[in-house]
Amino acid sequence: MQSTPRVGIPTSKNNEWISKRSTVTINNVKYNVQKLTTQPISSESSLTTSDSKTVKFSNSWAAGITNALKVIVGAAVGAISTGASYIATVYDVLTELVSGIKKTTKITTPHIVYSWAATSTAVFTFVRKDSQNDSHQWFAQVSTKTATSYKFPKFNYTNSNGSSKLTPSIVQGKRSFTSTPKGYGNEEDAVKHYLGGASGAQRRQVGTITISGPESKSVQSFSAPSANFIAHVN
């Protein structure tokens, strides 16, 4: 097991850092746990990502039976305990944005512009025996949870042969949800990993985020922003 020198609180113009210490007791032995948690305060942070994409569609569909968006989130290791998926129909999305929409409303969709962003909070956990000093700290766990945000297009009504339809216009309306891996920031897990004598830190991180739209068309698949070491955060 390789010790890590005393870990100070980093300073950064792009991220906020917080240090917290606690004591975990296992088999009547006390262990000192230091958790360094960081989250972005700037879009320049390496823990953020954003992009947009125009997706072309060929069909018209009813608002109540068509998915406007489907997001699937996977863990880099293990499983996602909360926020593994999000599905919304066009009707779910547009009831807040368009007055009078019905589940049977037909939507004409030459293209839709999707915009999304992901922001991660990272926790670096260090462990030592409570009787030792910080020169015996060991980097035991790194974990991240990720908030995914996305915008939906605004739709305008048009009339064709007496029937009402919707066509996409400018982007409007924002939703978000947070995906958290099983064991995220778990101090007892970190201590048990330390006791197991592994050569590297335990990882509890969000992996790939996949976004798809109507007609099962792929919008984007990307890796959630993360960091395996403190030095990776900037």
C-alpha atoms as a PDB file:
ATOM      1  CA  MET A   1       0.000   0.000   0.000  1.00  0.00           C
ATOM      2  CA  GLN A   2       1.381   3.384  -0.979  1.00  0.00           C
ATOM      3  CA  SER A   3       0.916   6.286   1.436  1.00  0.00           C
ATOM      4  CA  THR A   4      -0.145   9.721   0.231  1.00  0.00           C
ATOM      5  CA  PRO A   5       1.324  12.834   1.879  1.00  0.00           C
ATOM      6  CA  ARG A   6      -1.045  15.146   3.746  1.00  0.00           C
ATOM      7  CA  VAL A   7      -3.608  16.381   1.260  1.00  0.00           C
ATOM      8  CA  GLY A   8      -4.247  20.108   1.308  1.00  0.00           C
ATOM      9  CA  ILE A   9      -7.282  21.849  -0.158  1.00  0.00           C
ATOM     10  CA  PRO A  10      -6.524  22.788  -3.779  1.00  0.00           C
ATOM     11  CA  THR A  11      -7.293  26.260  -5.065  1.00  0.00           C
ATOM     12  CA  SER A  12      -8.893  26.827  -8.438  1.00  0.00           C
ATOM     13  CA  LYS A  13     -10.732  29.567 -10.310  1.00  0.00           C
ATOM     14  CA  ASN A  14     -12.900  26.927 -12.000  1.00  0.00           C
ATOM     15  CA  ASN A  15     -13.851  24.653  -9.086  1.00  0.00           C
ATOM     16  CA  GLU A  16     -14.860  24.894  -5.447  1.00  0.00           C
ATOM     17  CA  TRP A  17     -13.135  22.512  -3.009  1.00  0.00           C
ATOM     18  CA  ILE A  18     -14.318  21.394   0.438  1.00  0.00           C
ATOM     19  CA  SER A  19     -12.456  19.152   2.901  1.00  0.00           C
ATOM     20  CA  LYS A  20     -14.274  17.084   5.512  1.00  0.00           C
ATOM     21  CA  ARG A  21     -12.897  14.603   8.050  1.00  0.00           C
ATOM     22  CA  SER A  22     -14.696  11.839   9.883  1.00  0.00           C
ATOM     23  CA  THR A  23     -13.962   8.673  11.837  1.00  0.00           C
ATOM     24  CA  VAL A  24     -15.076   5.200  10.788  1.00  0.00           C
ATOM     25  CA  THR A  25     -14.800   2.247  13.194  1.00  0.00           C
ATOM     26  CA  ILE A  26     -14.421  -1.285  11.840  1.00  0.00           C
ATOM     27  CA  ASN A  27     -13.641  -4.270  14.105  1.00  0.00           C
ATOM     28  CA  ASN A  28     -13.042  -1.864  17.012  1.00  0.00           C
ATOM     29  CA  VAL A  29     -10.327   0.008  15.089  1.00  0.00           C
ATOM     30  CA  LYS A  30     -10.833   3.688  14.282  1.00  0.00           C
ATOM     31  CA  TYR A  31      -9.882   5.102  10.899  1.00  0.00           C
ATOM     32  CA  ASN A  32      -9.529   8.744   9.952  1.00  0.00           C
ATOM     33  CA  VAL A  33     -11.231   9.553   6.628  1.00  0.00           C
ATOM     34  CA  GLN A  34     -10.581  12.751   4.699  1.00  0.00           C
ATOM     35  CA  LYS A  35     -12.941  13.560   1.827  1.00  0.00           C
ATOM     36  CA  LEU A  36     -12.038  16.277  -0.651  1.00  0.00           C
ATOM     37  CA  THR A  37     -15.137  17.229  -2.625  1.00  0.00           C
ATOM     38  CA  THR A  38     -15.058  19.499  -5.655  1.00  0.00           C
ATOM     39  CA  GLN A  39     -17.701  20.892  -7.976  1.00  0.00           C
ATOM     40  CA  PRO A  40     -17.467  23.313 -10.897  1.00  0.00           C
ATOM     41  CA  ILE A  41     -18.116  27.030 -10.549  1.00  0.00           C
ATOM     42  CA  SER A  42     -17.153  27.815 -14.135  1.00  0.00           C
ATOM     43  CA  SER A  43     -17.966  26.368 -17.544  1.00  0.00           C
ATOM     44  CA  GLU A  44     -14.175  26.195 -18.068  1.00  0.00           C
ATOM     45  CA  SER A  45     -13.908  23.442 -15.461  1.00  0.00           C
ATOM     46  CA  SER A  46     -12.756  20.016 -16.632  1.00  0.00           C
ATOM     47  CA  LEU A  47     -15.758  18.621 -14.716  1.00  0.00           C
ATOM     48  CA  THR A  48     -18.210  20.106 -17.214  1.00  0.00           C
ATOM     49  CA  THR A  49     -19.097  19.405 -20.829  1.00  0.00           C
ATOM     50  CA  SER A  50     -21.722  20.784 -23.206  1.00  0.00           C
ATOM     51  CA  ASP A  51     -22.675  20.579 -26.875  1.00  0.00           C
ATOM     52  CA  SER A  52     -25.584  20.700 -29.308  1.00  0.00           C
ATOM     53  CA  LYS A  53     -26.668  18.783 -32.377  1.00  0.00           C
ATOM     54  CA  THR A  54     -29.314  19.111 -35.081  1.00  0.00           C
ATOM     55  CA  VAL A  55     -31.191  15.867 -35.730  1.00  0.00           C
ATOM     56  CA  LYS A  56     -33.387  15.439 -38.818  1.00  0.00           C
ATOM     57  CA  PHE A  57     -36.581  13.392 -38.689  1.00  0.00           C
ATOM     58  CA  SER A  58     -38.750  12.006 -41.460  1.00  0.00           C
ATOM     59  CA  ASN A  59     -42.128  11.345 -39.865  1.00  0.00           C
ATOM     60  CA  SER A  60     -44.961  13.115 -38.108  1.00  0.00           C
ATOM     61  CA  TRP A  61     -46.088  11.644 -34.817  1.00  0.00           C
ATOM     62  CA  ALA A  62     -48.650  12.036 -32.048  1.00  0.00           C
ATOM     63  CA  ALA A  63     -47.430  13.981 -29.035  1.00  0.00           C
ATOM     64  CA  GLY A  64     -48.659  11.441 -26.466  1.00  0.00           C
ATOM     65  CA  ILE A  65     -46.943   8.331 -27.816  1.00  0.00           C
ATOM     66  CA  THR A  66     -43.587   9.606 -29.036  1.00  0.00           C
ATOM     67  CA  ASN A  67     -40.493  10.007 -26.882  1.00  0.00           C
ATOM     68  CA  ALA A  68     -39.022  13.488 -27.126  1.00  0.00           C
ATOM     69  CA  LEU A  69     -35.953  12.365 -25.263  1.00  0.00           C
ATOM     70  CA  LYS A  70     -34.450   9.233 -23.766  1.00  0.00           C
ATOM     71  CA  VAL A  71     -31.305   9.394 -21.645  1.00  0.00           C
ATOM     72  CA  ILE A  72     -29.495   6.255 -20.452  1.00  0.00           C
ATOM     73  CA  VAL A  73     -26.625   6.572 -17.967  1.00  0.00           C
ATOM     74  CA  GLY A  74     -24.131   3.823 -17.196  1.00  0.00           C
ATOM     75  CA  ALA A  75     -21.542   3.475 -14.446  1.00  0.00           C
ATOM     76  CA  ALA A  76     -17.846   3.191 -15.223  1.00  0.00           C
ATOM     77  CA  VAL A  77     -17.724   0.450 -12.556  1.00  0.00           C
ATOM     78  CA  GLY A  78     -20.689  -1.198 -10.837  1.00  0.00           C
ATOM     79  CA  ALA A  79     -24.161   0.293 -11.189  1.00  0.00           C
ATOM     80  CA  ILE A  80     -26.061   3.570 -11.043  1.00  0.00           C
ATOM     81  CA  SER A  81     -28.217   3.709  -7.901  1.00  0.00           C
ATOM     82  CA  THR A  82     -30.301   6.756  -8.931  1.00  0.00           C
ATOM     83  CA  GLY A  83     -30.806   8.518 -12.244  1.00  0.00           C
ATOM     84  CA  ALA A  84     -29.934   5.618 -14.529  1.00  0.00           C
ATOM     85  CA  SER A  85     -32.484   6.666 -17.126  1.00  0.00           C
ATOM     86  CA  TYR A  86     -34.903   9.415 -18.036  1.00  0.00           C
ATOM     87  CA  ILE A  87     -37.682   9.192 -20.633  1.00  0.00           C
ATOM     88  CA  ALA A  88     -40.130  11.938 -21.557  1.00  0.00           C
ATOM     89  CA  THR A  89     -42.788  11.957 -24.268  1.00  0.00           C
ATOM     90  CA  VAL A  90     -43.249  14.997 -26.434  1.00  0.00           C
ATOM     91  CA  TYR A  91     -46.532  15.615 -24.611  1.00  0.00           C
ATOM     92  CA  ASP A  92     -44.832  15.495 -21.178  1.00  0.00           C
ATOM     93  CA  VAL A  93     -42.400  18.149 -22.310  1.00  0.00           C
ATOM     94  CA  LEU A  94     -44.741  20.433 -24.215  1.00  0.00           C
ATOM     95  CA  THR A  95     -47.622  20.671 -21.728  1.00  0.00           C
ATOM     96  CA  GLU A  96     -45.526  23.254 -19.873  1.00  0.00           C
ATOM     97  CA  LEU A  97     -44.525  25.104 -23.027  1.00  0.00           C
ATOM     98  CA  VAL A  98     -47.488  24.987 -25.415  1.00  0.00           C
ATOM     99  CA  SER A  99     -51.033  25.948 -24.408  1.00  0.00           C
ATOM    100  CA  GLY A 100     -53.780  23.612 -25.587  1.00  0.00           C
ATOM    101  CA  ILE A 101     -51.642  20.688 -26.699  1.00  0.00           C
ATOM    102  CA  LYS A 102     -53.310  17.260 -26.652  1.00  0.00           C
ATOM    103  CA  LYS A 103     -51.857  13.763 -26.717  1.00  0.00           C
ATOM    104  CA  THR A 104     -53.334  13.353 -30.194  1.00  0.00           C
ATOM    105  CA  THR A 105     -51.742  16.540 -31.569  1.00  0.00           C
ATOM    106  CA  LYS A 106     -49.696  15.763 -34.666  1.00  0.00           C
ATOM    107  CA  ILE A 107     -46.154  17.076 -34.773  1.00  0.00           C
ATOM    108  CA  THR A 108     -44.280  17.813 -37.975  1.00  0.00           C
ATOM    109  CA  THR A 109     -40.541  17.570 -37.400  1.00  0.00           C
ATOM    110  CA  PRO A 110     -38.093  18.431 -40.155  1.00  0.00           C
ATOM    111  CA  HIS A 111     -35.381  18.815 -37.546  1.00  0.00           C
ATOM    112  CA  ILE A 112     -34.838  19.445 -33.856  1.00  0.00           C
ATOM    113  CA  VAL A 113     -31.839  21.148 -32.255  1.00  0.00           C
ATOM    114  CA  TYR A 114     -30.827  19.375 -29.046  1.00  0.00           C
ATOM    115  CA  SER A 115     -28.618  21.107 -26.494  1.00  0.00           C
ATOM    116  CA  TRP A 116     -27.180  19.383 -23.432  1.00  0.00           C
ATOM    117  CA  ALA A 117     -24.649  19.807 -20.647  1.00  0.00           C
ATOM    118  CA  ALA A 118     -23.216  17.577 -17.937  1.00  0.00           C
ATOM    119  CA  THR A 119     -21.612  18.648 -14.667  1.00  0.00           C
ATOM    120  CA  SER A 120     -19.904  16.293 -12.218  1.00  0.00           C
ATOM    121  CA  THR A 121     -19.148  16.498  -8.512  1.00  0.00           C
ATOM    122  CA  ALA A 122     -16.027  14.538  -7.572  1.00  0.00           C
ATOM    123  CA  VAL A 123     -15.047  13.126  -4.173  1.00  0.00           C
ATOM    124  CA  PHE A 124     -11.486  12.013  -3.395  1.00  0.00           C
ATOM    125  CA  THR A 125     -11.293   9.940  -0.215  1.00  0.00           C
ATOM    126  CA  PHE A 126      -8.144   9.310   1.848  1.00  0.00           C
ATOM    127  CA  VAL A 127      -7.835   6.854   4.758  1.00  0.00           C
ATOM    128  CA  ARG A 128      -5.407   6.213   7.615  1.00  0.00           C
ATOM    129  CA  LYS A 129      -5.609   4.718  11.074  1.00  0.00           C
ATOM    130  CA  ASP A 130      -6.837   7.253  13.598  1.00  0.00           C
ATOM    131  CA  SER A 131      -3.675   6.670  15.629  1.00  0.00           C
ATOM    132  CA  GLN A 132      -1.446   7.661  12.688  1.00  0.00           C
ATOM    133  CA  ASN A 133      -0.587  11.058  11.275  1.00  0.00           C
ATOM    134  CA  ASP A 134      -1.350  12.273   7.768  1.00  0.00           C
ATOM    135  CA  SER A 135       1.934  11.028   6.366  1.00  0.00           C
ATOM    136  CA  HIS A 136       0.215   7.612   6.385  1.00  0.00           C
ATOM    137  CA  GLN A 137      -2.834   8.661   4.395  1.00  0.00           C
ATOM    138  CA  TRP A 138      -3.797   6.378   1.525  1.00  0.00           C
ATOM    139  CA  PHE A 139      -5.856   7.381  -1.509  1.00  0.00           C
ATOM    140  CA  ALA A 140      -8.721   4.882  -1.169  1.00  0.00           C
ATOM    141  CA  GLN A 141     -11.603   6.019  -3.369  1.00  0.00           C
ATOM    142  CA  VAL A 142     -12.620   8.426  -6.136  1.00  0.00           C
ATOM    143  CA  SER A 143     -16.286   8.857  -6.958  1.00  0.00           C
ATOM    144  CA  THR A 144     -18.366  11.178  -9.124  1.00  0.00           C
ATOM    145  CA  LYS A 145     -22.040  11.937  -9.549  1.00  0.00           C
ATOM    146  CA  THR A 146     -23.195  13.757 -12.670  1.00  0.00           C
ATOM    147  CA  ALA A 147     -26.044  16.160 -13.371  1.00  0.00           C
ATOM    148  CA  THR A 148     -27.257  16.072 -16.967  1.00  0.00           C
ATOM    149  CA  SER A 149     -29.195  19.066 -18.297  1.00  0.00           C
ATOM    150  CA  TYR A 150     -30.851  19.485 -21.659  1.00  0.00           C
ATOM    151  CA  LYS A 151     -33.114  21.909 -23.484  1.00  0.00           C
ATOM    152  CA  PHE A 152     -36.138  21.137 -25.593  1.00  0.00           C
ATOM    153  CA  PRO A 153     -37.230  23.093 -28.644  1.00  0.00           C
ATOM    154  CA  LYS A 154     -40.145  25.478 -28.574  1.00  0.00           C
ATOM    155  CA  PHE A 155     -42.910  24.365 -30.937  1.00  0.00           C
ATOM    156  CA  ASN A 156     -45.232  26.615 -32.944  1.00  0.00           C
ATOM    157  CA  TYR A 157     -48.714  25.781 -34.162  1.00  0.00           C
ATOM    158  CA  THR A 158     -49.421  25.622 -37.882  1.00  0.00           C
ATOM    159  CA  ASN A 159     -52.681  24.774 -39.638  1.00  0.00           C
ATOM    160  CA  SER A 160     -52.868  22.453 -42.633  1.00  0.00           C
ATOM    161  CA  ASN A 161     -56.217  21.463 -44.169  1.00  0.00           C
ATOM    162  CA  GLY A 162     -57.995  22.399 -40.970  1.00  0.00           C
ATOM    163  CA  SER A 163     -55.834  20.304 -38.648  1.00  0.00           C
ATOM    164  CA  SER A 164     -53.429  21.710 -36.091  1.00  0.00           C
ATOM    165  CA  LYS A 165     -49.799  20.693 -36.139  1.00  0.00           C
ATOM    166  CA  LEU A 166     -46.663  21.709 -34.299  1.00  0.00           C
ATOM    167  CA  THR A 167     -43.305  22.580 -35.811  1.00  0.00           C
ATOM    168  CA  PRO A 168     -40.089  23.148 -33.832  1.00  0.00           C
ATOM    169  CA  SER A 169     -38.737  26.649 -33.467  1.00  0.00           C
ATOM    170  CA  ILE A 170     -36.179  28.079 -31.036  1.00  0.00           C
ATOM    171  CA  VAL A 171     -34.807  26.161 -28.064  1.00  0.00           C
ATOM    172  CA  GLN A 172     -36.806  26.694 -24.891  1.00  0.00           C
ATOM    173  CA  GLY A 173     -37.427  24.806 -21.687  1.00  0.00           C
ATOM    174  CA  LYS A 174     -34.764  23.151 -19.560  1.00  0.00           C
ATOM    175  CA  ARG A 175     -34.756  19.911 -17.582  1.00  0.00           C
ATOM    176  CA  SER A 176     -32.075  18.153 -15.566  1.00  0.00           C
ATOM    177  CA  PHE A 177     -31.510  15.071 -13.420  1.00  0.00           C
ATOM    178  CA  THR A 178     -28.630  13.691 -11.379  1.00  0.00           C
ATOM    179  CA  SER A 179     -27.076  10.241 -11.773  1.00  0.00           C
ATOM    180  CA  THR A 180     -25.360   8.785  -8.712  1.00  0.00           C
ATOM    181  CA  PRO A 181     -23.254   5.568  -8.765  1.00  0.00           C
ATOM    182  CA  LYS A 182     -23.801   2.967  -6.076  1.00  0.00           C
ATOM    183  CA  GLY A 183     -21.299   3.627  -3.271  1.00  0.00           C
ATOM    184  CA  TYR A 184     -20.719   7.278  -4.209  1.00  0.00           C
ATOM    185  CA  GLY A 185     -18.699   8.964  -1.437  1.00  0.00           C
ATOM    186  CA  ASN A 186     -19.208   5.972   0.862  1.00  0.00           C
ATOM    187  CA  GLU A 187     -16.698   6.271   3.702  1.00  0.00           C
ATOM    188  CA  GLU A 188     -17.087   2.713   4.968  1.00  0.00           C
ATOM    189  CA  ASP A 189     -16.514   1.341   1.460  1.00  0.00           C
ATOM    190  CA  ALA A 190     -13.344   3.430   1.225  1.00  0.00           C
ATOM    191  CA  VAL A 191     -12.031   2.065   4.527  1.00  0.00           C
ATOM    192  CA  LYS A 192     -12.785  -1.524   3.513  1.00  0.00           C
ATOM    193  CA  HIS A 193     -10.937  -0.959   0.246  1.00  0.00           C
ATOM    194  CA  TYR A 194      -8.011   0.427   2.265  1.00  0.00           C
ATOM    195  CA  LEU A 195      -8.046  -2.665   4.488  1.00  0.00           C
ATOM    196  CA  GLY A 196      -8.059  -4.910   1.428  1.00  0.00           C
ATOM    197  CA  GLY A 197      -4.611  -3.631   0.505  1.00  0.00           C
ATOM    198  CA  ALA A 198      -5.409  -2.879  -3.140  1.00  0.00           C
ATOM    199  CA  SER A 199      -2.760  -1.028  -5.126  1.00  0.00           C
ATOM    200  CA  GLY A 200      -5.118   1.603  -6.536  1.00  0.00           C
ATOM    201  CA  ALA A 201      -8.115   3.665  -5.524  1.00  0.00           C
ATOM    202  CA  GLN A 202     -11.629   2.274  -5.729  1.00  0.00           C
ATOM    203  CA  ARG A 203     -13.718   3.932  -8.484  1.00  0.00           C
ATOM    204  CA  ARG A 204     -17.384   4.835  -8.177  1.00  0.00           C
ATOM    205  CA  GLN A 205     -18.026   6.960 -11.265  1.00  0.00           C
ATOM    206  CA  VAL A 206     -20.633   7.725 -13.895  1.00  0.00           C
ATOM    207  CA  GLY A 207     -19.510   6.376 -17.267  1.00  0.00           C
ATOM    208  CA  THR A 208     -21.334   6.953 -20.539  1.00  0.00           C
ATOM    209  CA  ILE A 209     -24.402   9.125 -21.106  1.00  0.00           C
ATOM    210  CA  THR A 210     -26.466   8.261 -24.183  1.00  0.00           C
ATOM    211  CA  ILE A 211     -29.171  10.573 -25.541  1.00  0.00           C
ATOM    212  CA  SER A 212     -31.713   9.553 -28.166  1.00  0.00           C
ATOM    213  CA  GLY A 213     -34.817  11.210 -29.608  1.00  0.00           C
ATOM    214  CA  PRO A 214     -37.953  10.366 -31.581  1.00  0.00           C
ATOM    215  CA  GLU A 215     -37.797   7.547 -34.130  1.00  0.00           C
ATOM    216  CA  SER A 216     -35.087   6.035 -31.854  1.00  0.00           C
ATOM    217  CA  LYS A 217     -32.573   8.299 -33.539  1.00  0.00           C
ATOM    218  CA  SER A 218     -29.273   8.709 -31.748  1.00  0.00           C
ATOM    219  CA  VAL A 219     -28.516  12.237 -30.589  1.00  0.00           C
ATOM    220  CA  GLN A 220     -25.225  11.752 -28.791  1.00  0.00           C
ATOM    221  CA  SER A 221     -23.249   9.361 -26.616  1.00  0.00           C
ATOM    222  CA  PHE A 222     -20.472  10.835 -24.494  1.00  0.00           C
ATOM    223  CA  SER A 223     -18.376  10.166 -21.416  1.00  0.00           C
ATOM    224  CA  ALA A 224     -19.431  11.940 -18.246  1.00  0.00           C
ATOM    225  CA  PRO A 225     -16.820  14.442 -17.038  1.00  0.00           C
ATOM    226  CA  SER A 226     -14.690  12.834 -14.337  1.00  0.00           C
ATOM    227  CA  ALA A 227     -11.232  12.741 -12.782  1.00  0.00           C
ATOM    228  CA  ASN A 228      -9.229   9.821 -11.429  1.00  0.00           C
ATOM    229  CA  PHE A 229      -6.805  12.039  -9.502  1.00  0.00           C
ATOM    230  CA  ILE A 230      -6.897  15.517  -7.974  1.00  0.00           C
ATOM    231  CA  ALA A 231      -4.351  16.686 -10.540  1.00  0.00           C
ATOM    232  CA  HIS A 232      -6.868  15.859 -13.297  1.00  0.00           C
ATOM    233  CA  VAL A 233      -9.247  18.584 -12.068  1.00  0.00           C
ATOM    234  CA  ASN A 234      -8.661  22.047 -13.514  1.00  0.00           C
END
